[in-house]
Amino acid sequence: MSATLSEGSLDSLLDIRSWFGGALGTRVLQTEQAVLDQLLTGFFGYHLLQASILDSALYDSSPIQNKFSIGLDANDAVPMVARATELPFENDSIDVILLHHLLDFLDSPLDTLREMTRVSLPMGYLVIVGFNPISSWGLWKFPAAMMGRAPWTGKFIRPGRLMDWLNVLNFKIDRAQYCIYGPPIARKNSRIPDHSKDLSRTLNLPFGAAYIIVARKQVSTCLLYTSPSPTR
């Protein structure tokens, strides 16, 4: 298996995808999809790019016509595979970029963000979905990671840290939506929260197991080359 997008850091790609195909992972994905369905309807433009740990499209609700994904593996059913730090797109060319749990499992999340900044249009949107370490899932991560189980071997980047990186890269945080409360246990017959209305009306405490951060690029890429480098 060649996970070209990850630059060698996704040796457990099959394990991660298998977890998302199980009962708990499916519920996580359904909840995240419900939030994304509400968010993406409000973003417009010409091009939407998805880079996800999965090979399924999560952007069907978007009104943007040219929607496409880049894959992690040569066998993924997507138009192209590419390195996350070497995207085959021009500067300032993508209106909306969706990163779905990609930063959780890459060796170089900050370099990946820099590359996404390069291809993002000024005033374009970056939508990042990740696991929140400041949650009951974050507590569960430590013992589970020692056993090498997916997805607990991921980084689980703290939302505040991610927002700091985005601010230095000249993104303005538009909103942070949190979801999935309670321990990482798959419950039978449990309902997916209703996100069909304005997300501001839903529960949004900052210790949900997953977060969806929306940020908007403020300047052109040519000006970013003179910006200070974010610190890890």
Protein backbone atom coordinates (compact mmCIF):
# COMPACT_ATOMS: atom_id res chain seq x y z
CA MET A 1 0.00 0.00 0.00
CA SER A 2 1.33 3.42 -0.94
CA ALA A 3 -0.17 6.26 1.06
CA THR A 4 1.39 9.02 -1.00
CA LEU A 5 -0.61 11.85 0.52
CA SER A 6 0.74 11.11 3.98
CA GLU A 7 4.42 10.88 3.08
CA GLY A 8 4.77 7.53 4.79
CA SER A 9 2.92 8.27 8.02
CA LEU A 10 -0.25 6.27 7.33
CA ASP A 11 0.97 2.70 7.71
CA SER A 12 -2.22 1.95 9.65
CA LEU A 13 -4.52 3.44 7.00
CA LEU A 14 -6.49 0.22 6.67
CA ASP A 15 -6.96 0.06 10.45
CA ILE A 16 -8.19 3.65 10.58
CA ARG A 17 -10.64 3.11 7.75
CA SER A 18 -11.79 -0.14 9.30
CA TRP A 19 -12.56 1.71 12.54
CA PHE A 20 -14.64 4.29 10.68
CA GLY A 21 -16.53 1.38 9.12
CA GLY A 22 -17.42 -0.05 12.53
CA ALA A 23 -20.35 0.89 14.76
CA LEU A 24 -18.64 3.71 16.67
CA GLY A 25 -16.79 5.10 13.67
CA THR A 26 -19.96 5.07 11.58
CA ARG A 27 -21.77 7.08 14.22
CA VAL A 28 -18.90 9.59 14.35
CA LEU A 29 -18.97 9.92 10.57
CA GLN A 30 -22.76 10.34 10.48
CA THR A 31 -22.61 13.09 13.10
CA GLU A 32 -19.78 14.91 11.34
CA GLN A 33 -21.59 14.57 8.04
CA ALA A 34 -24.70 16.16 9.55
CA VAL A 35 -22.64 19.18 10.67
CA LEU A 36 -20.84 19.44 7.32
CA ASP A 37 -24.14 19.25 5.43
CA GLN A 38 -25.28 22.34 7.28
CA LEU A 39 -21.99 24.24 6.97
CA LEU A 40 -21.13 23.58 3.34
CA THR A 41 -24.44 24.89 2.01
CA GLY A 42 -23.28 28.40 2.95
CA PHE A 43 -19.98 28.37 1.03
CA PHE A 44 -19.86 29.37 -2.63
CA GLY A 45 -17.26 29.51 -5.38
CA TYR A 46 -15.90 27.52 -8.29
CA HIS A 47 -13.74 24.78 -6.71
CA LEU A 48 -14.00 22.60 -3.60
CA LEU A 49 -11.17 20.25 -2.59
CA GLN A 50 -11.54 17.42 -0.09
CA ALA A 51 -8.56 15.70 1.55
CA SER A 52 -9.86 13.04 3.93
CA ILE A 53 -8.62 10.00 5.79
CA LEU A 54 -11.49 8.25 3.99
CA ASP A 55 -12.08 7.83 0.28
CA SER A 56 -15.78 8.76 0.33
CA ALA A 57 -17.13 12.20 -0.60
CA LEU A 58 -18.42 14.33 2.27
CA TYR A 59 -19.34 17.41 0.24
CA ASP A 60 -22.60 16.48 -1.50
CA SER A 61 -24.50 19.32 0.20
CA SER A 62 -22.18 21.97 -1.26
CA PRO A 63 -23.62 24.14 -4.04
CA ILE A 64 -20.17 24.37 -5.66
CA GLN A 65 -20.18 22.53 -8.99
CA ASN A 66 -16.53 21.49 -9.28
CA LYS A 67 -16.04 19.27 -6.21
CA PHE A 68 -13.24 16.72 -6.09
CA SER A 69 -11.06 14.69 -3.71
CA ILE A 70 -7.41 13.78 -3.59
CA GLY A 71 -6.64 10.29 -2.36
CA LEU A 72 -4.37 8.68 0.18
CA ASP A 73 -3.79 5.51 -1.78
CA ALA A 74 -3.39 4.70 -5.46
CA ASN A 75 -6.35 2.32 -5.17
CA ASP A 76 -8.73 5.01 -3.90
CA ALA A 77 -11.66 5.77 -6.18
CA VAL A 78 -10.69 9.43 -6.66
CA PRO A 79 -9.35 11.39 -9.66
CA MET A 80 -5.85 11.83 -8.23
CA VAL A 81 -3.43 11.08 -5.44
CA ALA A 82 -0.90 13.67 -4.27
CA ARG A 83 1.34 14.56 -1.37
CA ALA A 84 -0.31 16.79 1.18
CA THR A 85 2.72 19.09 1.08
CA GLU A 86 2.99 19.13 -2.74
CA LEU A 87 -0.46 19.72 -4.19
CA PRO A 88 -0.72 19.97 -8.01
CA PHE A 89 -2.67 23.24 -7.92
CA GLU A 90 -1.80 26.88 -8.56
CA ASN A 91 -1.46 29.46 -5.82
CA ASP A 92 -4.74 31.05 -4.67
CA SER A 93 -6.92 28.67 -6.70
CA ILE A 94 -9.33 26.76 -4.39
CA ASP A 95 -12.45 28.35 -2.88
CA VAL A 96 -13.18 25.75 -0.19
CA ILE A 97 -10.83 23.12 1.25
CA LEU A 98 -12.18 20.34 3.47
CA LEU A 99 -9.62 18.51 5.63
CA HIS A 100 -11.33 15.54 7.24
CA HIS A 101 -9.24 13.98 10.04
CA LEU A 102 -6.18 14.29 7.83
CA LEU A 103 -4.12 16.35 10.26
CA ASP A 104 -4.83 13.77 13.00
CA PHE A 105 -2.76 11.14 11.22
CA LEU A 106 -0.02 12.99 9.32
CA ASP A 107 3.60 13.32 10.39
CA SER A 108 3.64 16.91 9.10
CA PRO A 109 0.32 18.62 9.92
CA LEU A 110 1.85 22.10 9.99
CA ASP A 111 3.55 21.68 6.61
CA THR A 112 0.24 20.40 5.28
CA LEU A 113 -1.52 23.53 6.55
CA ARG A 114 1.09 25.71 4.82
CA GLU A 115 0.42 23.95 1.53
CA MET A 116 -3.34 24.29 1.95
CA THR A 117 -2.75 27.99 2.62
CA ARG A 118 -0.82 28.28 -0.64
CA VAL A 119 -3.63 26.89 -2.79
CA SER A 120 -6.50 28.55 -0.91
CA LEU A 121 -8.07 31.64 -2.46
CA PRO A 122 -7.96 34.91 -0.52
CA MET A 123 -11.24 34.94 1.45
CA GLY A 124 -11.53 31.22 0.71
CA TYR A 125 -12.63 28.79 3.42
CA LEU A 126 -10.66 26.05 5.15
CA VAL A 127 -12.83 23.51 6.98
CA ILE A 128 -10.92 21.21 9.35
CA VAL A 129 -12.44 18.18 11.07
CA GLY A 130 -10.40 16.62 13.86
CA PHE A 131 -10.49 14.73 17.12
CA ASN A 132 -10.43 16.87 20.25
CA PRO A 133 -7.92 15.84 22.97
CA ILE A 134 -9.80 18.04 25.47
CA SER A 135 -12.64 15.54 25.78
CA SER A 136 -13.46 12.18 27.28
CA TRP A 137 -12.06 10.71 24.08
CA GLY A 138 -8.76 12.47 24.76
CA LEU A 139 -8.57 10.73 28.13
CA TRP A 140 -9.36 7.40 26.52
CA LYS A 141 -6.65 7.96 23.90
CA PHE A 142 -3.65 7.40 26.17
CA PRO A 143 -4.28 3.78 27.24
CA ALA A 144 -5.76 2.85 23.85
CA ALA A 145 -2.77 4.31 21.96
CA MET A 146 -0.40 2.12 23.96
CA MET A 147 -2.15 -0.89 22.47
CA GLY A 148 -1.70 0.52 18.97
CA ARG A 149 -5.39 0.74 18.21
CA ALA A 150 -6.86 3.06 15.59
CA PRO A 151 -7.83 5.86 15.72
CA TRP A 152 -6.18 6.40 19.13
CA THR A 153 -2.70 6.37 17.64
CA GLY A 154 -3.47 9.70 15.94
CA LYS A 155 -2.23 13.09 17.12
CA PHE A 156 -5.55 14.64 18.25
CA ILE A 157 -4.39 18.25 17.83
CA ARG A 158 -5.72 20.67 20.43
CA PRO A 159 -8.21 23.15 18.84
CA GLY A 160 -6.48 26.17 20.41
CA ARG A 161 -3.14 25.09 18.99
CA LEU A 162 -4.65 24.60 15.55
CA MET A 163 -6.25 28.04 15.71
CA ASP A 164 -2.89 29.58 16.64
CA TRP A 165 -1.32 27.99 13.57
CA LEU A 166 -4.14 29.28 11.38
CA ASN A 167 -3.85 32.80 12.77
CA VAL A 168 -0.13 32.93 12.00
CA LEU A 169 -0.90 31.69 8.48
CA ASN A 170 -3.23 34.69 8.11
CA PHE A 171 -6.52 32.87 8.49
CA LYS A 172 -9.33 34.36 10.54
CA ILE A 173 -11.32 31.85 12.58
CA ASP A 174 -14.92 31.98 11.43
CA ARG A 175 -16.35 29.42 13.85
CA ALA A 176 -15.60 26.26 15.81
CA GLN A 177 -18.33 23.66 16.09
CA TYR A 178 -18.03 20.77 18.54
CA CYS A 179 -19.99 17.53 18.53
CA ILE A 180 -20.11 13.99 19.96
CA TYR A 181 -20.34 14.13 23.74
CA GLY A 182 -19.86 11.24 26.11
CA PRO A 183 -17.42 8.29 26.16
CA PRO A 184 -16.31 6.42 23.02
CA ILE A 185 -18.97 3.76 23.26
CA ALA A 186 -21.29 2.74 20.45
CA ARG A 187 -24.86 2.84 21.75
CA LYS A 188 -27.62 0.96 20.00
CA ASN A 189 -30.62 2.92 18.71
CA SER A 190 -29.10 6.29 19.66
CA ARG A 191 -30.18 9.28 17.62
CA ILE A 192 -27.88 11.46 15.53
CA PRO A 193 -28.24 15.08 16.75
CA ASP A 194 -30.40 17.27 14.54
CA HIS A 195 -28.18 19.75 12.70
CA SER A 196 -30.77 20.67 10.08
CA LYS A 197 -31.26 24.12 11.63
CA ASP A 198 -28.84 26.92 12.45
CA LEU A 199 -25.81 25.37 14.14
CA SER A 200 -25.73 28.19 16.67
CA ARG A 201 -28.87 26.67 18.19
CA THR A 202 -27.23 23.31 18.87
CA LEU A 203 -25.16 22.27 21.86
CA ASN A 204 -21.62 23.55 21.27
CA LEU A 205 -19.53 22.99 24.37
CA PRO A 206 -15.74 22.95 23.69
CA PHE A 207 -15.18 19.42 24.98
CA GLY A 208 -16.93 17.48 22.23
CA ALA A 209 -14.93 14.53 20.90
CA ALA A 210 -14.77 16.05 17.41
CA TYR A 211 -14.45 19.62 16.20
CA ILE A 212 -15.13 21.34 12.91
CA ILE A 213 -13.09 24.54 12.63
CA VAL A 214 -13.88 26.98 9.82
CA ALA A 215 -11.25 29.58 8.93
CA ARG A 216 -11.06 32.17 6.17
CA LYS A 217 -7.88 33.23 4.40
CA GLN A 218 -7.20 36.95 4.63
CA VAL A 219 -4.36 37.64 2.19
CA SER A 220 -2.87 36.36 -1.04
CA THR A 221 -0.26 33.61 -0.98
CA CYS A 222 2.41 35.94 -2.38
CA LEU A 223 2.20 37.97 0.85
CA LEU A 224 2.36 34.87 3.05
CA TYR A 225 5.95 34.20 2.05
CA THR A 226 7.00 37.13 4.22
CA SER A 227 4.96 35.98 7.22
CA PRO A 228 6.70 34.48 10.27
CA SER A 229 6.77 30.69 10.48
CA PRO A 230 4.41 29.14 13.05
CA THR A 231 6.09 27.41 15.95
CA ARG A 232 5.18 23.91 16.92
